[in-house]
Amino acid sequence: MHLLKGIGYLVSTASVVLVAIVSWSSASKGPVFIACLIGGAALSIVGMLCQWLSYEIEKRQDDRR
């Protein structure tokens, strides 16, 4: 189950990167659009990383009990 969560977060991260690549041609028309695209993709990936880390912490705490 733990491995499945990790794979899910990797798949979600890859999908964010792919959507950002496809959106780049439209976003490159202005610096504000570029900043929004990069910022949004980065925040999404950081959010998934935080969720994954929280699962890791919970798993380690459960293993100690």
C-alpha atoms as a PDB file:
ATOM      1  CA  MET A   1       0.000   0.000   0.000  1.00  0.00           C
ATOM      2  CA  HIS A   2       2.848   2.356   0.866  1.00  0.00           C
ATOM      3  CA  LEU A   3       4.563   1.750  -2.490  1.00  0.00           C
ATOM      4  CA  LEU A   4       1.294   2.429  -4.293  1.00  0.00           C
ATOM      5  CA  LYS A   5       1.035   5.863  -2.649  1.00  0.00           C
ATOM      6  CA  GLY A   6       4.575   6.695  -3.759  1.00  0.00           C
ATOM      7  CA  ILE A   7       3.861   5.606  -7.314  1.00  0.00           C
ATOM      8  CA  GLY A   8       0.673   7.674  -7.292  1.00  0.00           C
ATOM      9  CA  TYR A   9       2.582  10.798  -6.321  1.00  0.00           C
ATOM     10  CA  LEU A  10       5.184  10.154  -9.023  1.00  0.00           C
ATOM     11  CA  VAL A  11       2.443   9.743 -11.635  1.00  0.00           C
ATOM     12  CA  SER A  12       0.768  12.963 -10.444  1.00  0.00           C
ATOM     13  CA  THR A  13       4.076  14.823 -10.638  1.00  0.00           C
ATOM     14  CA  ALA A  14       4.681  13.530 -14.160  1.00  0.00           C
ATOM     15  CA  SER A  15       1.200  14.643 -15.213  1.00  0.00           C
ATOM     16  CA  VAL A  16       1.838  18.164 -13.884  1.00  0.00           C
ATOM     17  CA  VAL A  17       5.080  18.320 -15.861  1.00  0.00           C
ATOM     18  CA  LEU A  18       3.357  17.108 -19.040  1.00  0.00           C
ATOM     19  CA  VAL A  19       0.539  19.652 -18.704  1.00  0.00           C
ATOM     20  CA  ALA A  20       3.120  22.396 -18.133  1.00  0.00           C
ATOM     21  CA  ILE A  21       5.001  21.364 -21.279  1.00  0.00           C
ATOM     22  CA  VAL A  22       1.831  21.472 -23.368  1.00  0.00           C
ATOM     23  CA  SER A  23       0.830  24.837 -21.864  1.00  0.00           C
ATOM     24  CA  TRP A  24       4.227  26.439 -22.428  1.00  0.00           C
ATOM     25  CA  SER A  25       3.430  27.718 -25.943  1.00  0.00           C
ATOM     26  CA  SER A  26       0.490  29.754 -24.644  1.00  0.00           C
ATOM     27  CA  ALA A  27       2.227  30.840 -21.445  1.00  0.00           C
ATOM     28  CA  SER A  28       5.335  32.040 -23.258  1.00  0.00           C
ATOM     29  CA  LYS A  29       3.349  34.988 -24.650  1.00  0.00           C
ATOM     30  CA  GLY A  30       3.911  36.979 -21.477  1.00  0.00           C
ATOM     31  CA  PRO A  31       6.076  36.976 -18.357  1.00  0.00           C
ATOM     32  CA  VAL A  32       3.066  36.901 -16.025  1.00  0.00           C
ATOM     33  CA  PHE A  33       1.744  33.771 -17.751  1.00  0.00           C
ATOM     34  CA  ILE A  34       5.161  32.135 -17.525  1.00  0.00           C
ATOM     35  CA  ALA A  35       5.389  32.945 -13.817  1.00  0.00           C
ATOM     36  CA  CYS A  36       1.897  31.561 -13.215  1.00  0.00           C
ATOM     37  CA  LEU A  37       2.635  28.358 -15.115  1.00  0.00           C
ATOM     38  CA  ILE A  38       5.953  27.714 -13.395  1.00  0.00           C
ATOM     39  CA  GLY A  39       4.617  28.770  -9.998  1.00  0.00           C
ATOM     40  CA  GLY A  40       1.489  26.653 -10.314  1.00  0.00           C
ATOM     41  CA  ALA A  41       3.396  23.565 -11.438  1.00  0.00           C
ATOM     42  CA  ALA A  42       5.985  24.029  -8.694  1.00  0.00           C
ATOM     43  CA  LEU A  43       3.339  24.512  -5.989  1.00  0.00           C
ATOM     44  CA  SER A  44       1.490  21.414  -7.150  1.00  0.00           C
ATOM     45  CA  ILE A  45       4.643  19.312  -7.007  1.00  0.00           C
ATOM     46  CA  VAL A  46       5.650  20.744  -3.607  1.00  0.00           C
ATOM     47  CA  GLY A  47       2.149  20.004  -2.308  1.00  0.00           C
ATOM     48  CA  MET A  48       2.403  16.387  -3.431  1.00  0.00           C
ATOM     49  CA  LEU A  49       5.850  16.158  -1.837  1.00  0.00           C
ATOM     50  CA  CYS A  50       4.429  17.453   1.455  1.00  0.00           C
ATOM     51  CA  GLN A  51       1.637  14.878   1.334  1.00  0.00           C
ATOM     52  CA  TRP A  52       4.112  12.085   0.626  1.00  0.00           C
ATOM     53  CA  LEU A  53       6.361  13.234   3.470  1.00  0.00           C
ATOM     54  CA  SER A  54       3.407  13.298   5.854  1.00  0.00           C
ATOM     55  CA  TYR A  55       2.611   9.677   4.930  1.00  0.00           C
ATOM     56  CA  GLU A  56       6.269   8.761   5.495  1.00  0.00           C
ATOM     57  CA  ILE A  57       6.247  10.385   8.941  1.00  0.00           C
ATOM     58  CA  GLU A  58       2.981   8.690   9.892  1.00  0.00           C
ATOM     59  CA  LYS A  59       4.289   5.316   8.693  1.00  0.00           C
ATOM     60  CA  ARG A  60       7.460   5.657  10.769  1.00  0.00           C
ATOM     61  CA  GLN A  61       5.451   6.670  13.825  1.00  0.00           C
ATOM     62  CA  ASP A  62       3.162   3.668  13.372  1.00  0.00           C
ATOM     63  CA  ASP A  63       6.175   1.369  12.968  1.00  0.00           C
ATOM     64  CA  ARG A  64       7.548   2.550  16.350  1.00  0.00           C
ATOM     65  CA  ARG A  65       4.345   1.604  18.169  1.00  0.00           C
END
